[in-house]
PDB file of N, CA and C in Angstrom:
ATOM      1  N   MET A   1       0.839  -0.784   0.015  1.00  0.00           N
ATOM      2  CA  MET A   1       0.058  -0.094  -0.231  1.00  0.00           C
ATOM      3  C   MET A   1       0.556   1.245  -0.297  1.00  0.00           C
ATOM      4  N   CYS A   2       0.300   2.300  -0.563  1.00  0.00           N
ATOM      5  CA  CYS A   2       1.122   3.272  -0.798  1.00  0.00           C
ATOM      6  C   CYS A   2       0.366   4.717  -0.174  1.00  0.00           C
ATOM      7  N   LEU A   3       1.076   5.758   0.683  1.00  0.00           N
ATOM      8  CA  LEU A   3       0.551   6.422   0.992  1.00  0.00           C
ATOM      9  C   LEU A   3       1.251   7.992   0.910  1.00  0.00           C
ATOM     10  N   GLY A   4       0.361   8.744   0.444  1.00  0.00           N
ATOM     11  CA  GLY A   4       0.990  10.241   0.250  1.00  0.00           C
ATOM     12  C   GLY A   4       0.428  11.101   1.253  1.00  0.00           C
ATOM     13  N   ILE A   5       1.497  11.804   1.943  1.00  0.00           N
ATOM     14  CA  ILE A   5       1.085  12.447   2.947  1.00  0.00           C
ATOM     15  C   ILE A   5       1.198  14.252   3.001  1.00  0.00           C
ATOM     16  N   PRO A   6      -0.212  14.858   3.259  1.00  0.00           N
ATOM     17  CA  PRO A   6      -0.029  16.628   2.769  1.00  0.00           C
ATOM     18  C   PRO A   6       1.300  17.075   3.655  1.00  0.00           C
ATOM     19  N   VAL A   7       2.007  17.667   2.771  1.00  0.00           N
ATOM     20  CA  VAL A   7       3.204  18.456   3.931  1.00  0.00           C
ATOM     21  C   VAL A   7       2.971  19.873   3.083  1.00  0.00           C
ATOM     22  N   LYS A   8       3.283  20.812   4.147  1.00  0.00           N
ATOM     23  CA  LYS A   8       3.563  22.299   3.708  1.00  0.00           C
ATOM     24  C   LYS A   8       4.622  22.820   3.545  1.00  0.00           C
ATOM     25  N   ILE A   9       5.197  23.100   2.198  1.00  0.00           N
ATOM     26  CA  ILE A   9       6.265  23.506   1.646  1.00  0.00           C
ATOM     27  C   ILE A   9       6.908  24.798   2.687  1.00  0.00           C
ATOM     28  N   VAL A  10       8.063  24.807   3.306  1.00  0.00           N
ATOM     29  CA  VAL A  10       8.572  25.714   3.967  1.00  0.00           C
ATOM     30  C   VAL A  10       9.904  26.313   3.576  1.00  0.00           C
ATOM     31  N   GLU A  11      10.658  26.000   2.998  1.00  0.00           N
ATOM     32  CA  GLU A  11      11.735  26.233   2.076  1.00  0.00           C
ATOM     33  C   GLU A  11      11.893  25.977   0.900  1.00  0.00           C
ATOM     34  N   LYS A  12      12.549  26.643  -0.106  1.00  0.00           N
ATOM     35  CA  LYS A  12      12.567  26.120  -1.672  1.00  0.00           C
ATOM     36  C   LYS A  12      13.801  26.648  -2.178  1.00  0.00           C
ATOM     37  N   LYS A  13      14.456  25.874  -2.895  1.00  0.00           N
ATOM     38  CA  LYS A  13      15.745  25.959  -3.454  1.00  0.00           C
ATOM     39  C   LYS A  13      15.976  25.231  -4.730  1.00  0.00           C
ATOM     40  N   GLY A  14      15.243  25.971  -5.670  1.00  0.00           N
ATOM     41  CA  GLY A  14      15.490  25.351  -7.264  1.00  0.00           C
ATOM     42  C   GLY A  14      14.319  23.930  -6.961  1.00  0.00           C
ATOM     43  N   ASN A  15      14.768  22.746  -7.254  1.00  0.00           N
ATOM     44  CA  ASN A  15      13.659  21.756  -7.545  1.00  0.00           C
ATOM     45  C   ASN A  15      13.504  21.302  -6.279  1.00  0.00           C
ATOM     46  N   THR A  16      14.269  21.503  -5.380  1.00  0.00           N
ATOM     47  CA  THR A  16      14.232  20.891  -3.889  1.00  0.00           C
ATOM     48  C   THR A  16      13.433  21.675  -2.933  1.00  0.00           C
ATOM     49  N   GLY A  17      12.687  21.244  -2.083  1.00  0.00           N
ATOM     50  CA  GLY A  17      12.061  22.102  -0.925  1.00  0.00           C
ATOM     51  C   GLY A  17      11.817  21.414   0.510  1.00  0.00           C
ATOM     52  N   ILE A  18      11.681  22.193   1.480  1.00  0.00           N
ATOM     53  CA  ILE A  18      11.700  21.266   2.460  1.00  0.00           C
ATOM     54  C   ILE A  18      10.136  21.481   2.894  1.00  0.00           C
ATOM     55  N   GLY A  19       9.591  20.330   3.023  1.00  0.00           N
ATOM     56  CA  GLY A  19       8.250  20.235   3.927  1.00  0.00           C
ATOM     57  C   GLY A  19       8.065  19.792   5.172  1.00  0.00           C
ATOM     58  N   GLU A  20       6.878  20.245   5.763  1.00  0.00           N
ATOM     59  CA  GLU A  20       7.055  20.365   7.491  1.00  0.00           C
ATOM     60  C   GLU A  20       5.591  19.739   7.498  1.00  0.00           C
ATOM     61  N   ILE A  21       5.438  18.786   8.748  1.00  0.00           N
ATOM     62  CA  ILE A  21       4.273  18.389   9.184  1.00  0.00           C
ATOM     63  C   ILE A  21       4.224  18.048  10.330  1.00  0.00           C
ATOM     64  N   GLY A  22       3.317  18.415  11.296  1.00  0.00           N
ATOM     65  CA  GLY A  22       3.779  18.004  12.730  1.00  0.00           C
ATOM     66  C   GLY A  22       5.127  18.369  13.528  1.00  0.00           C
ATOM     67  N   GLY A  23       5.645  19.472  12.830  1.00  0.00           N
ATOM     68  CA  GLY A  23       7.076  20.040  13.062  1.00  0.00           C
ATOM     69  C   GLY A  23       8.111  19.244  12.530  1.00  0.00           C
ATOM     70  N   VAL A  24       7.654  18.358  11.871  1.00  0.00           N
ATOM     71  CA  VAL A  24       8.806  17.426  11.333  1.00  0.00           C
ATOM     72  C   VAL A  24       9.280  18.211   9.724  1.00  0.00           C
ATOM     73  N   LYS A  25      10.499  18.389   9.648  1.00  0.00           N
ATOM     74  CA  LYS A  25      10.526  18.517   8.452  1.00  0.00           C
ATOM     75  C   LYS A  25      11.543  17.549   7.559  1.00  0.00           C
ATOM     76  N   ARG A  26      11.356  17.413   6.446  1.00  0.00           N
ATOM     77  CA  ARG A  26      12.152  16.514   5.440  1.00  0.00           C
ATOM     78  C   ARG A  26      11.867  17.126   4.433  1.00  0.00           C
ATOM     79  N   GLU A  27      13.075  16.620   3.343  1.00  0.00           N
ATOM     80  CA  GLU A  27      13.482  17.322   1.884  1.00  0.00           C
ATOM     81  C   GLU A  27      12.586  16.706   0.883  1.00  0.00           C
ATOM     82  N   VAL A  28      12.010  17.709   0.014  1.00  0.00           N
ATOM     83  CA  VAL A  28      11.030  17.191  -0.943  1.00  0.00           C
ATOM     84  C   VAL A  28      11.560  17.582  -2.235  1.00  0.00           C
ATOM     85  N   ASP A  29      11.439  16.638  -2.953  1.00  0.00           N
ATOM     86  CA  ASP A  29      11.995  16.866  -4.580  1.00  0.00           C
ATOM     87  C   ASP A  29      10.817  17.314  -5.598  1.00  0.00           C
ATOM     88  N   LEU A  30      10.694  18.520  -6.100  1.00  0.00           N
ATOM     89  CA  LEU A  30       9.727  19.304  -6.598  1.00  0.00           C
ATOM     90  C   LEU A  30       9.520  19.091  -7.990  1.00  0.00           C
ATOM     91  N   ARG A  31      10.530  18.472  -8.112  1.00  0.00           N
ATOM     92  CA  ARG A  31      10.725  18.442 -10.069  1.00  0.00           C
ATOM     93  C   ARG A  31       9.521  17.919 -10.926  1.00  0.00           C
ATOM     94  N   PHE A  32       8.355  17.260 -10.062  1.00  0.00           N
ATOM     95  CA  PHE A  32       7.447  16.682 -11.094  1.00  0.00           C
ATOM     96  C   PHE A  32       6.335  17.718 -10.833  1.00  0.00           C
ATOM     97  N   LEU A  33       6.195  19.059 -10.160  1.00  0.00           N
ATOM     98  CA  LEU A  33       4.980  20.030 -10.014  1.00  0.00           C
ATOM     99  C   LEU A  33       5.827  21.330 -10.645  1.00  0.00           C
ATOM    100  N   GLU A  34       4.741  21.898 -11.181  1.00  0.00           N
ATOM    101  CA  GLU A  34       4.970  23.249 -11.661  1.00  0.00           C
ATOM    102  C   GLU A  34       4.737  24.501 -10.781  1.00  0.00           C
ATOM    103  N   ASN A  35       5.326  25.546 -10.752  1.00  0.00           N
ATOM    104  CA  ASN A  35       4.563  26.844  -9.714  1.00  0.00           C
ATOM    105  C   ASN A  35       4.664  26.488  -8.034  1.00  0.00           C
ATOM    106  N   VAL A  36       5.572  25.707  -7.665  1.00  0.00           N
ATOM    107  CA  VAL A  36       5.471  25.448  -6.139  1.00  0.00           C
ATOM    108  C   VAL A  36       6.235  26.442  -5.380  1.00  0.00           C
ATOM    109  N   GLU A  37       5.201  27.096  -4.409  1.00  0.00           N
ATOM    110  CA  GLU A  37       5.879  28.441  -3.717  1.00  0.00           C
ATOM    111  C   GLU A  37       5.709  28.006  -2.524  1.00  0.00           C
ATOM    112  N   ILE A  38       6.970  28.697  -1.461  1.00  0.00           N
ATOM    113  CA  ILE A  38       6.808  28.579  -0.263  1.00  0.00           C
ATOM    114  C   ILE A  38       5.222  28.737   0.600  1.00  0.00           C
ATOM    115  N   GLY A  39       4.581  27.909   1.334  1.00  0.00           N
ATOM    116  CA  GLY A  39       3.406  27.958   1.894  1.00  0.00           C
ATOM    117  C   GLY A  39       2.057  27.200   1.336  1.00  0.00           C
ATOM    118  N   ASP A  40       2.901  26.275  -0.019  1.00  0.00           N
ATOM    119  CA  ASP A  40       1.975  25.775  -0.608  1.00  0.00           C
ATOM    120  C   ASP A  40       2.076  24.515   0.062  1.00  0.00           C
ATOM    121  N   PHE A  41       1.038  23.336  -0.262  1.00  0.00           N
ATOM    122  CA  PHE A  41       0.517  22.384   0.745  1.00  0.00           C
ATOM    123  C   PHE A  41       0.807  21.157  -0.513  1.00  0.00           C
ATOM    124  N   VAL A  42       1.628  20.342  -0.668  1.00  0.00           N
ATOM    125  CA  VAL A  42       1.423  19.265  -1.569  1.00  0.00           C
ATOM    126  C   VAL A  42       1.595  17.685  -0.624  1.00  0.00           C
ATOM    127  N   ILE A  43       1.339  16.853  -1.642  1.00  0.00           N
ATOM    128  CA  ILE A  43       1.324  15.553  -1.478  1.00  0.00           C
ATOM    129  C   ILE A  43       2.411  14.908  -1.738  1.00  0.00           C
ATOM    130  N   LEU A  44       3.185  14.186  -0.276  1.00  0.00           N
ATOM    131  CA  LEU A  44       4.661  14.037  -0.443  1.00  0.00           C
ATOM    132  C   LEU A  44       4.197  12.291  -0.584  1.00  0.00           C
ATOM    133  N   HIS A  45       5.246  11.576  -1.447  1.00  0.00           N
ATOM    134  CA  HIS A  45       5.284  10.030  -1.860  1.00  0.00           C
ATOM    135  C   HIS A  45       6.349   9.811  -1.961  1.00  0.00           C
ATOM    136  N   ALA A  46       7.249   9.226  -1.159  1.00  0.00           N
ATOM    137  CA  ALA A  46       8.584   8.701  -1.517  1.00  0.00           C
ATOM    138  C   ALA A  46       9.228   9.659  -1.866  1.00  0.00           C
ATOM    139  N   ALA A  47       9.168  10.826  -0.898  1.00  0.00           N
ATOM    140  CA  ALA A  47      10.025  12.132  -1.062  1.00  0.00           C
ATOM    141  C   ALA A  47       9.967  13.177  -2.159  1.00  0.00           C
ATOM    142  N   PHE A  48       9.123  12.663  -3.339  1.00  0.00           N
ATOM    143  CA  PHE A  48       8.546  13.690  -4.099  1.00  0.00           C
ATOM    144  C   PHE A  48       7.444  14.106  -3.627  1.00  0.00           C
ATOM    145  N   ALA A  49       7.056  15.554  -4.522  1.00  0.00           N
ATOM    146  CA  ALA A  49       5.878  16.168  -4.258  1.00  0.00           C
ATOM    147  C   ALA A  49       5.167  15.551  -5.681  1.00  0.00           C
ATOM    148  N   ILE A  50       4.034  14.539  -5.580  1.00  0.00           N
ATOM    149  CA  ILE A  50       3.221  14.496  -6.409  1.00  0.00           C
ATOM    150  C   ILE A  50       1.885  15.262  -6.929  1.00  0.00           C
ATOM    151  N   GLN A  51       1.584  16.007  -5.829  1.00  0.00           N
ATOM    152  CA  GLN A  51       0.052  16.722  -6.493  1.00  0.00           C
ATOM    153  C   GLN A  51       0.103  18.247  -5.545  1.00  0.00           C
ATOM    154  N   LYS A  52      -0.411  19.020  -6.077  1.00  0.00           N
ATOM    155  CA  LYS A  52      -0.597  20.399  -5.334  1.00  0.00           C
ATOM    156  C   LYS A  52      -1.991  20.172  -4.298  1.00  0.00           C
ATOM    157  N   LEU A  53      -2.141  20.759  -3.526  1.00  0.00           N
ATOM    158  CA  LEU A  53      -3.520  20.719  -3.105  1.00  0.00           C
ATOM    159  C   LEU A  53      -3.657  21.985  -2.081  1.00  0.00           C
ATOM    160  N   ASP A  54      -4.857  22.455  -2.124  1.00  0.00           N
ATOM    161  CA  ASP A  54      -5.329  23.610  -1.218  1.00  0.00           C
ATOM    162  C   ASP A  54      -5.368  23.602   0.094  1.00  0.00           C
ATOM    163  N   GLU A  55      -4.932  24.497   0.871  1.00  0.00           N
ATOM    164  CA  GLU A  55      -5.050  24.308   2.697  1.00  0.00           C
ATOM    165  C   GLU A  55      -6.233  23.493   3.277  1.00  0.00           C
ATOM    166  N   LYS A  56      -7.360  23.986   2.843  1.00  0.00           N
ATOM    167  CA  LYS A  56      -8.540  22.960   3.280  1.00  0.00           C
ATOM    168  C   LYS A  56      -8.249  21.871   2.928  1.00  0.00           C
ATOM    169  N   GLU A  57      -8.251  21.244   1.977  1.00  0.00           N
ATOM    170  CA  GLU A  57      -7.874  20.046   1.538  1.00  0.00           C
ATOM    171  C   GLU A  57      -7.107  19.300   2.618  1.00  0.00           C
ATOM    172  N   ALA A  58      -5.710  19.847   2.646  1.00  0.00           N
ATOM    173  CA  ALA A  58      -4.590  19.574   3.095  1.00  0.00           C
ATOM    174  C   ALA A  58      -5.107  19.268   5.047  1.00  0.00           C
ATOM    175  N   GLU A  59      -5.831  20.231   5.299  1.00  0.00           N
ATOM    176  CA  GLU A  59      -6.081  20.225   6.794  1.00  0.00           C
ATOM    177  C   GLU A  59      -7.173  19.100   7.082  1.00  0.00           C
ATOM    178  N   GLU A  60      -7.844  18.836   6.039  1.00  0.00           N
ATOM    179  CA  GLU A  60      -8.904  17.508   6.344  1.00  0.00           C
ATOM    180  C   GLU A  60      -8.235  16.316   6.159  1.00  0.00           C
ATOM    181  N   THR A  61      -7.237  16.766   5.530  1.00  0.00           N
ATOM    182  CA  THR A  61      -6.878  15.205   5.077  1.00  0.00           C
ATOM    183  C   THR A  61      -5.880  14.600   6.277  1.00  0.00           C
ATOM    184  N   LEU A  62      -5.216  16.040   6.808  1.00  0.00           N
ATOM    185  CA  LEU A  62      -4.327  15.561   7.939  1.00  0.00           C
ATOM    186  C   LEU A  62      -5.237  15.298   9.220  1.00  0.00           C
ATOM    187  N   SER A  63      -6.374  15.920   9.302  1.00  0.00           N
ATOM    188  CA  SER A  63      -7.226  15.627  10.404  1.00  0.00           C
ATOM    189  C   SER A  63      -7.534  14.097  10.319  1.00  0.00           C
ATOM    190  N   LEU A  64      -8.224  13.552   9.104  1.00  0.00           N
ATOM    191  CA  LEU A  64      -8.678  12.135   8.974  1.00  0.00           C
ATOM    192  C   LEU A  64      -7.278  11.469   9.587  1.00  0.00           C
ATOM    193  N   LEU A  65      -6.173  11.392   8.969  1.00  0.00           N
ATOM    194  CA  LEU A  65      -4.766  10.770   9.407  1.00  0.00           C
ATOM    195  C   LEU A  65      -4.823  10.770  10.570  1.00  0.00           C
ATOM    196  N   ASN A  66      -5.005  11.990  11.686  1.00  0.00           N
ATOM    197  CA  ASN A  66      -4.688  12.223  13.096  1.00  0.00           C
ATOM    198  C   ASN A  66      -5.721  11.273  13.693  1.00  0.00           C
ATOM    199  N   ALA A  67      -6.846  11.281  13.155  1.00  0.00           N
ATOM    200  CA  ALA A  67      -8.325  10.493  13.710  1.00  0.00           C
ATOM    201  C   ALA A  67      -7.725   8.746  13.590  1.00  0.00           C
ATOM    202  N   LEU A  68      -7.260   8.476  12.468  1.00  0.00           N
ATOM    203  CA  LEU A  68      -7.194   7.348  11.986  1.00  0.00           C
ATOM    204  C   LEU A  68      -6.119   6.802  13.108  1.00  0.00           C
ATOM    205  N   PHE A  69      -4.826   7.683  13.203  1.00  0.00           N
ATOM    206  CA  PHE A  69      -3.613   6.975  14.245  1.00  0.00           C
ATOM    207  C   PHE A  69      -4.318   6.780  15.414  1.00  0.00           C
ATOM    208  N   GLU A  70      -5.024   7.834  15.909  1.00  0.00           N
ATOM    209  CA  GLU A  70      -5.491   7.630  17.465  1.00  0.00           C
ATOM    210  C   GLU A  70      -6.208   6.352  17.288  1.00  0.00           C
ATOM    211  N   ILE A  71      -7.053   5.920  16.626  1.00  0.00           N
ATOM    212  CA  ILE A  71      -8.037   4.859  16.888  1.00  0.00           C
ATOM    213  C   ILE A  71      -7.131   3.652  16.791  1.00  0.00           C
ATOM    214  N   GLU A  72      -5.640   3.301  15.761  1.00  0.00           N
ATOM    215  CA  GLU A  72      -5.145   2.263  15.571  1.00  0.00           C
ATOM    216  C   GLU A  72      -4.082   2.305  16.814  1.00  0.00           C
ATOM    217  N   SER A  73      -3.507   3.369  17.273  1.00  0.00           N
ATOM    218  CA  SER A  73      -2.746   3.485  18.545  1.00  0.00           C
ATOM    219  C   SER A  73      -3.421   3.098  19.935  1.00  0.00           C
ATOM    220  N   GLY A  74      -4.708   3.268  19.924  1.00  0.00           N
ATOM    221  CA  GLY A  74      -5.733   2.845  21.078  1.00  0.00           C
ATOM    222  C   GLY A  74      -5.597   4.360  22.295  1.00  0.00           C
ATOM    223  N   THR A  75      -5.410   5.284  21.562  1.00  0.00           N
ATOM    224  CA  THR A  75      -5.372   6.561  22.392  1.00  0.00           C
ATOM    225  C   THR A  75      -6.447   7.143  22.271  1.00  0.00           C
ATOM    226  N   ASP A  76      -7.665   6.413  21.773  1.00  0.00           N
ATOM    227  CA  ASP A  76      -8.620   7.147  21.813  1.00  0.00           C
ATOM    228  C   ASP A  76      -9.625   7.423  22.849  1.00  0.00           C
TER     229      ASP A  76
END
């Protein structure tokens, strides 16, 4: 199973960015997308940004993932 996670781009240098989720930062390869700017949300999969999405959609997806984690880990 593959999972893409929404991350917010907080730094950018050429085709490389830094994405942040929950305070964790990781390098993101931006070469597959055009016009990605600092502050944009992208779907991160295997270190590559594969799709841009708006902030509302990103927040909804992150909320669902957080709820799923709470159920799976028994912290509900």
